[in-house]
Amino acid sequence: MKLLPCILVILITLGGWLSSCRTQYIPVETIRTEYRARDSIRYDSIYHRDSVYVMVKGDTVCEYKYKYLYRYQYVNRTDTLMKVDSIQIPYPVEKQLSKWQQFKLDFGGTAMLVMIIIVIVKLKNLKM
């Protein structure tokens, strides 16, 4: 008969531990990275010479045309745009805790520890 209260306390403790299990939602982050590269070549300076002159030498007429187009400086520009989106998927709360439930969560672990210590002390006193 003296063993019955100890077994009862152990069963109640185990029942509390086993019935308090529940599924836990872990939020998943969706991360998307996007890279875009853009190359562009621009000519900065253009030297344009256009001249025509005529040279007459005796009965021969020579016509010289100089049409030169110089592009002597260009800029090669490469832009890389990196965009990272981090989107968290919200998880709705089913029901808010009442004050009593919050109190049990805050002080329930301490109460369980005190009960275990009392059981251990009583078991040691029974053996002596």
N, C-alpha and C. Protein backbone atom coordinates (compact mmCIF):
# COMPACT_ATOMS: atom_id res chain seq x y z
N MET A 1 0.81 -1.20 0.00
CA MET A 1 0.00 0.00 0.00
C MET A 1 0.85 1.26 0.00
N LYS A 2 2.04 1.18 0.56
CA LYS A 2 2.89 2.36 0.58
C LYS A 2 3.46 2.65 -0.82
N LEU A 3 3.51 1.66 -1.65
CA LEU A 3 4.06 1.82 -2.99
C LEU A 3 3.02 2.43 -3.95
N LEU A 4 1.76 2.34 -3.64
CA LEU A 4 0.70 2.84 -4.51
C LEU A 4 0.80 4.35 -4.78
N PRO A 5 1.04 5.22 -3.78
CA PRO A 5 1.14 6.66 -4.07
C PRO A 5 2.33 6.97 -4.98
N CYS A 6 3.44 6.27 -4.82
CA CYS A 6 4.60 6.52 -5.67
C CYS A 6 4.32 6.13 -7.11
N ILE A 7 3.68 4.99 -7.30
CA ILE A 7 3.34 4.55 -8.65
C ILE A 7 2.34 5.51 -9.27
N LEU A 8 1.38 5.98 -8.47
CA LEU A 8 0.39 6.93 -8.95
C LEU A 8 1.06 8.24 -9.39
N VAL A 9 2.01 8.74 -8.63
CA VAL A 9 2.72 9.98 -8.98
C VAL A 9 3.53 9.78 -10.27
N ILE A 10 4.17 8.63 -10.39
CA ILE A 10 4.95 8.34 -11.60
C ILE A 10 4.04 8.26 -12.82
N LEU A 11 2.89 7.60 -12.68
CA LEU A 11 1.96 7.50 -13.81
C LEU A 11 1.40 8.86 -14.21
N ILE A 12 1.08 9.69 -13.22
CA ILE A 12 0.57 11.04 -13.53
C ILE A 12 1.65 11.86 -14.23
N THR A 13 2.89 11.74 -13.75
CA THR A 13 3.99 12.47 -14.37
C THR A 13 4.21 12.00 -15.81
N LEU A 14 4.24 10.71 -16.03
CA LEU A 14 4.40 10.18 -17.38
C LEU A 14 3.23 10.59 -18.28
N GLY A 15 2.03 10.57 -17.74
CA GLY A 15 0.86 10.99 -18.51
C GLY A 15 0.96 12.46 -18.92
N GLY A 16 1.46 13.29 -18.02
CA GLY A 16 1.65 14.71 -18.35
C GLY A 16 2.70 14.90 -19.43
N TRP A 17 3.78 14.15 -19.33
CA TRP A 17 4.84 14.27 -20.33
C TRP A 17 4.36 13.78 -21.70
N LEU A 18 3.65 12.67 -21.73
CA LEU A 18 3.23 12.11 -23.01
C LEU A 18 2.07 12.87 -23.66
N SER A 19 1.23 13.47 -22.84
CA SER A 19 0.08 14.17 -23.42
C SER A 19 0.43 15.59 -23.85
N SER A 20 1.58 16.08 -23.47
CA SER A 20 1.93 17.45 -23.83
C SER A 20 2.67 17.53 -25.17
N CYS A 21 2.79 16.44 -25.87
CA CYS A 21 3.46 16.46 -27.18
C CYS A 21 2.51 17.05 -28.22
N ARG A 22 3.06 17.85 -29.10
CA ARG A 22 2.27 18.39 -30.19
C ARG A 22 3.20 18.64 -31.36
N THR A 23 2.60 18.81 -32.52
CA THR A 23 3.42 19.09 -33.69
C THR A 23 3.90 20.53 -33.63
N GLN A 24 5.06 20.77 -34.19
CA GLN A 24 5.64 22.10 -34.17
C GLN A 24 5.88 22.55 -35.60
N TYR A 25 5.45 23.75 -35.90
CA TYR A 25 5.63 24.30 -37.24
C TYR A 25 6.95 25.05 -37.28
N ILE A 26 7.76 24.73 -38.28
CA ILE A 26 9.03 25.42 -38.48
C ILE A 26 8.87 26.28 -39.73
N PRO A 27 8.98 27.61 -39.60
CA PRO A 27 8.79 28.47 -40.77
C PRO A 27 9.90 28.24 -41.79
N VAL A 28 9.50 28.19 -43.03
CA VAL A 28 10.43 27.96 -44.13
C VAL A 28 10.65 29.27 -44.86
N GLU A 29 11.90 29.65 -45.05
CA GLU A 29 12.20 30.85 -45.80
C GLU A 29 12.39 30.49 -47.26
N THR A 30 11.78 31.27 -48.10
CA THR A 30 11.96 31.10 -49.53
C THR A 30 12.94 32.17 -50.00
N ILE A 31 14.10 31.74 -50.46
CA ILE A 31 15.13 32.67 -50.89
C ILE A 31 15.31 32.51 -52.39
N ARG A 32 15.22 33.62 -53.07
CA ARG A 32 15.41 33.60 -54.52
C ARG A 32 16.46 34.64 -54.87
N THR A 33 17.48 34.22 -55.60
CA THR A 33 18.54 35.11 -56.02
C THR A 33 18.49 35.25 -57.53
N GLU A 34 18.55 36.47 -57.99
CA GLU A 34 18.45 36.73 -59.42
C GLU A 34 19.67 37.55 -59.85
N TYR A 35 20.35 37.07 -60.87
CA TYR A 35 21.50 37.76 -61.42
C TYR A 35 21.16 38.25 -62.83
N ARG A 36 21.49 39.49 -63.10
CA ARG A 36 21.32 40.02 -64.45
C ARG A 36 22.59 40.75 -64.82
N ALA A 37 23.14 40.42 -65.98
CA ALA A 37 24.35 41.08 -66.45
C ALA A 37 24.02 41.86 -67.71
N ARG A 38 24.57 43.06 -67.80
CA ARG A 38 24.33 43.90 -68.96
C ARG A 38 25.67 44.45 -69.44
N ASP A 39 25.99 44.20 -70.67
CA ASP A 39 27.22 44.71 -71.27
C ASP A 39 26.86 45.81 -72.25
N SER A 40 27.67 46.84 -72.24
CA SER A 40 27.45 47.91 -73.21
C SER A 40 28.80 48.51 -73.59
N ILE A 41 28.96 48.75 -74.86
CA ILE A 41 30.16 49.39 -75.37
C ILE A 41 29.72 50.72 -75.99
N ARG A 42 30.30 51.79 -75.50
CA ARG A 42 29.95 53.11 -76.00
C ARG A 42 31.23 53.80 -76.48
N TYR A 43 31.09 54.43 -77.59
CA TYR A 43 32.21 55.21 -78.12
C TYR A 43 32.13 56.60 -77.54
N ASP A 44 33.24 57.00 -76.94
CA ASP A 44 33.24 58.27 -76.24
C ASP A 44 33.63 59.43 -77.16
N SER A 45 34.62 59.23 -77.98
CA SER A 45 35.08 60.31 -78.85
C SER A 45 35.12 59.83 -80.28
N ILE A 46 34.66 60.65 -81.15
CA ILE A 46 34.69 60.32 -82.58
C ILE A 46 35.40 61.48 -83.29
N TYR A 47 36.43 61.15 -84.01
CA TYR A 47 37.16 62.13 -84.78
C TYR A 47 36.79 61.94 -86.23
N HIS A 48 36.20 62.94 -86.82
CA HIS A 48 35.71 62.83 -88.19
C HIS A 48 36.39 63.91 -89.03
N ARG A 49 37.09 63.48 -90.04
CA ARG A 49 37.75 64.43 -90.93
C ARG A 49 37.20 64.22 -92.33
N ASP A 50 36.74 65.28 -92.88
CA ASP A 50 36.19 65.20 -94.23
C ASP A 50 36.75 66.38 -95.03
N SER A 51 37.60 66.07 -95.95
CA SER A 51 38.17 67.15 -96.77
C SER A 51 38.35 66.66 -98.19
N VAL A 52 38.11 67.53 -99.08
CA VAL A 52 38.26 67.24 -100.50
C VAL A 52 39.09 68.38 -101.10
N TYR A 53 40.10 68.02 -101.79
CA TYR A 53 40.83 69.06 -102.52
C TYR A 53 41.21 68.54 -103.90
N VAL A 54 41.40 69.48 -104.79
CA VAL A 54 41.68 69.18 -106.19
C VAL A 54 43.08 69.70 -106.52
N MET A 55 43.86 68.84 -107.12
CA MET A 55 45.21 69.22 -107.51
C MET A 55 45.28 69.20 -109.05
N VAL A 56 45.67 70.32 -109.58
CA VAL A 56 45.76 70.43 -111.04
C VAL A 56 47.26 70.51 -111.39
N LYS A 57 47.70 69.56 -112.20
CA LYS A 57 49.10 69.51 -112.61
C LYS A 57 49.13 69.40 -114.13
N GLY A 58 49.30 70.46 -114.75
CA GLY A 58 49.28 70.45 -116.21
C GLY A 58 47.87 70.22 -116.72
N ASP A 59 47.75 69.21 -117.54
CA ASP A 59 46.42 68.88 -118.05
C ASP A 59 45.75 67.79 -117.22
N THR A 60 46.35 67.37 -116.11
CA THR A 60 45.80 66.31 -115.26
C THR A 60 45.16 66.93 -114.02
N VAL A 61 43.95 66.51 -113.76
CA VAL A 61 43.24 66.97 -112.57
C VAL A 61 43.11 65.78 -111.62
N CYS A 62 43.64 65.95 -110.46
CA CYS A 62 43.55 64.89 -109.42
C CYS A 62 42.64 65.39 -108.30
N GLU A 63 41.75 64.57 -107.93
CA GLU A 63 40.85 64.93 -106.85
C GLU A 63 41.12 63.98 -105.68
N TYR A 64 41.44 64.55 -104.54
CA TYR A 64 41.71 63.75 -103.34
C TYR A 64 40.55 63.91 -102.37
N LYS A 65 40.11 62.80 -101.88
CA LYS A 65 39.04 62.82 -100.88
C LYS A 65 39.53 62.07 -99.64
N TYR A 66 39.50 62.73 -98.53
CA TYR A 66 39.87 62.10 -97.28
C TYR A 66 38.61 61.99 -96.43
N LYS A 67 38.21 60.84 -96.26
CA LYS A 67 37.05 60.62 -95.38
C LYS A 67 37.49 59.59 -94.34
N TYR A 68 37.96 60.08 -93.22
CA TYR A 68 38.43 59.21 -92.16
C TYR A 68 37.50 59.37 -90.96
N LEU A 69 37.24 58.29 -90.38
CA LEU A 69 36.44 58.31 -89.16
C LEU A 69 37.26 57.60 -88.08
N TYR A 70 37.66 58.32 -87.08
CA TYR A 70 38.47 57.75 -86.01
C TYR A 70 37.64 57.61 -84.74
N ARG A 71 37.65 56.46 -84.25
CA ARG A 71 37.04 56.24 -82.93
C ARG A 71 38.18 55.80 -82.03
N TYR A 72 38.66 56.68 -81.25
CA TYR A 72 39.87 56.38 -80.52
C TYR A 72 39.65 56.14 -79.03
N GLN A 73 38.43 56.15 -78.57
CA GLN A 73 38.20 55.83 -77.17
C GLN A 73 36.83 55.19 -77.05
N TYR A 74 36.79 54.04 -76.41
CA TYR A 74 35.50 53.41 -76.17
C TYR A 74 35.46 52.91 -74.73
N VAL A 75 34.27 52.81 -74.24
CA VAL A 75 34.06 52.41 -72.86
C VAL A 75 33.30 51.10 -72.87
N ASN A 76 33.89 50.09 -72.24
CA ASN A 76 33.22 48.80 -72.10
C ASN A 76 32.72 48.72 -70.66
N ARG A 77 31.43 48.71 -70.49
CA ARG A 77 30.85 48.72 -69.16
C ARG A 77 30.04 47.46 -68.95
N THR A 78 30.31 46.79 -67.85
CA THR A 78 29.57 45.58 -67.49
C THR A 78 28.90 45.83 -66.15
N ASP A 79 27.61 45.72 -66.14
CA ASP A 79 26.84 45.88 -64.90
C ASP A 79 26.27 44.54 -64.50
N THR A 80 26.43 44.20 -63.25
CA THR A 80 25.84 42.99 -62.71
C THR A 80 24.91 43.39 -61.58
N LEU A 81 23.67 43.07 -61.72
CA LEU A 81 22.69 43.37 -60.70
C LEU A 81 22.35 42.09 -59.96
N MET A 82 22.48 42.10 -58.65
CA MET A 82 22.15 40.94 -57.86
C MET A 82 21.01 41.31 -56.93
N LYS A 83 19.96 40.54 -56.98
CA LYS A 83 18.77 40.82 -56.20
C LYS A 83 18.42 39.57 -55.40
N VAL A 84 18.32 39.71 -54.08
CA VAL A 84 18.01 38.59 -53.22
C VAL A 84 16.70 38.88 -52.52
N ASP A 85 15.74 37.99 -52.68
CA ASP A 85 14.46 38.10 -52.00
C ASP A 85 14.39 37.04 -50.93
N SER A 86 14.00 37.42 -49.74
CA SER A 86 13.79 36.48 -48.66
C SER A 86 12.35 36.65 -48.19
N ILE A 87 11.55 35.68 -48.49
CA ILE A 87 10.13 35.76 -48.19
C ILE A 87 9.80 34.71 -47.14
N GLN A 88 9.29 35.14 -46.01
CA GLN A 88 8.86 34.19 -44.99
C GLN A 88 7.38 33.91 -45.17
N ILE A 89 7.05 32.65 -45.06
CA ILE A 89 5.66 32.26 -45.21
C ILE A 89 5.01 32.37 -43.83
N PRO A 90 4.00 33.21 -43.69
CA PRO A 90 3.38 33.38 -42.37
C PRO A 90 2.57 32.14 -41.98
N TYR A 91 2.57 31.85 -40.70
CA TYR A 91 1.81 30.73 -40.17
C TYR A 91 0.79 31.28 -39.19
N PRO A 92 -0.49 31.09 -39.46
CA PRO A 92 -1.51 31.69 -38.58
C PRO A 92 -1.57 30.99 -37.22
N VAL A 93 -1.77 31.77 -36.19
CA VAL A 93 -1.94 31.24 -34.84
C VAL A 93 -3.38 30.78 -34.70
N GLU A 94 -3.53 29.53 -34.29
CA GLU A 94 -4.88 28.98 -34.20
C GLU A 94 -5.70 29.66 -33.12
N LYS A 95 -5.11 29.77 -31.94
CA LYS A 95 -5.84 30.33 -30.83
C LYS A 95 -4.84 30.90 -29.83
N GLN A 96 -5.09 32.10 -29.35
CA GLN A 96 -4.19 32.71 -28.37
C GLN A 96 -4.36 32.02 -27.01
N LEU A 97 -3.25 31.98 -26.25
CA LEU A 97 -3.29 31.34 -24.94
C LEU A 97 -4.02 32.24 -23.94
N SER A 98 -4.76 31.59 -23.07
CA SER A 98 -5.40 32.35 -21.99
C SER A 98 -4.35 32.63 -20.91
N LYS A 99 -4.71 33.45 -19.93
CA LYS A 99 -3.76 33.78 -18.86
C LYS A 99 -3.39 32.55 -18.05
N TRP A 100 -4.36 31.68 -17.83
CA TRP A 100 -4.10 30.47 -17.07
C TRP A 100 -3.15 29.54 -17.83
N GLN A 101 -3.35 29.40 -19.12
CA GLN A 101 -2.48 28.55 -19.93
C GLN A 101 -1.05 29.13 -19.98
N GLN A 102 -0.94 30.43 -20.08
CA GLN A 102 0.38 31.05 -20.09
C GLN A 102 1.07 30.87 -18.73
N PHE A 103 0.32 30.96 -17.64
CA PHE A 103 0.87 30.73 -16.31
C PHE A 103 1.37 29.30 -16.17
N LYS A 104 0.58 28.34 -16.71
CA LYS A 104 1.02 26.95 -16.66
C LYS A 104 2.29 26.73 -17.47
N LEU A 105 2.40 27.39 -18.59
CA LEU A 105 3.62 27.26 -19.38
C LEU A 105 4.83 27.86 -18.66
N ASP A 106 4.62 28.99 -18.01
CA ASP A 106 5.74 29.66 -17.35
C ASP A 106 6.22 28.92 -16.10
N PHE A 107 5.29 28.43 -15.29
CA PHE A 107 5.66 27.84 -14.01
C PHE A 107 5.45 26.33 -13.93
N GLY A 108 5.00 25.71 -15.00
CA GLY A 108 4.76 24.27 -14.99
C GLY A 108 6.04 23.46 -14.87
N GLY A 109 7.10 23.88 -15.53
CA GLY A 109 8.37 23.16 -15.45
C GLY A 109 8.95 23.19 -14.06
N THR A 110 8.83 24.32 -13.40
CA THR A 110 9.32 24.44 -12.02
C THR A 110 8.51 23.53 -11.10
N ALA A 111 7.21 23.50 -11.28
CA ALA A 111 6.36 22.65 -10.44
C ALA A 111 6.69 21.17 -10.66
N MET A 112 6.93 20.79 -11.90
CA MET A 112 7.30 19.39 -12.18
C MET A 112 8.62 19.04 -11.52
N LEU A 113 9.59 19.95 -11.54
CA LEU A 113 10.88 19.71 -10.91
C LEU A 113 10.72 19.54 -9.40
N VAL A 114 9.90 20.38 -8.80
CA VAL A 114 9.65 20.26 -7.36
C VAL A 114 8.99 18.92 -7.04
N MET A 115 8.05 18.49 -7.88
CA MET A 115 7.38 17.19 -7.63
C MET A 115 8.37 16.04 -7.76
N ILE A 116 9.27 16.09 -8.70
CA ILE A 116 10.26 15.02 -8.87
C ILE A 116 11.21 14.98 -7.67
N ILE A 117 11.61 16.14 -7.21
CA ILE A 117 12.48 16.17 -6.03
C ILE A 117 11.77 15.60 -4.82
N ILE A 118 10.50 15.93 -4.63
CA ILE A 118 9.74 15.39 -3.49
C ILE A 118 9.64 13.88 -3.59
N VAL A 119 9.38 13.36 -4.78
CA VAL A 119 9.27 11.91 -4.97
C VAL A 119 10.60 11.24 -4.65
N ILE A 120 11.69 11.81 -5.10
CA ILE A 120 13.01 11.21 -4.83
C ILE A 120 13.31 11.23 -3.34
N VAL A 121 12.99 12.32 -2.66
CA VAL A 121 13.24 12.41 -1.21
C VAL A 121 12.37 11.39 -0.48
N LYS A 122 11.12 11.23 -0.87
CA LYS A 122 10.24 10.26 -0.20
C LYS A 122 10.71 8.83 -0.45
N LEU A 123 11.19 8.56 -1.68
CA LEU A 123 11.69 7.22 -1.95
C LEU A 123 12.94 6.92 -1.12
N LYS A 124 13.79 7.89 -0.93
CA LYS A 124 14.99 7.68 -0.10
C LYS A 124 14.60 7.48 1.36
N ASN A 125 13.57 8.21 1.82
CA ASN A 125 13.12 8.05 3.21
C ASN A 125 12.48 6.68 3.42
N LEU A 126 11.84 6.13 2.40
CA LEU A 126 11.22 4.81 2.53
C LEU A 126 12.28 3.71 2.63
N LYS A 127 13.37 3.87 1.91
CA LYS A 127 14.42 2.86 1.94
C LYS A 127 15.17 2.87 3.25
N MET A 128 15.24 3.99 3.92
CA MET A 128 15.98 4.07 5.18
C MET A 128 15.12 3.60 6.28
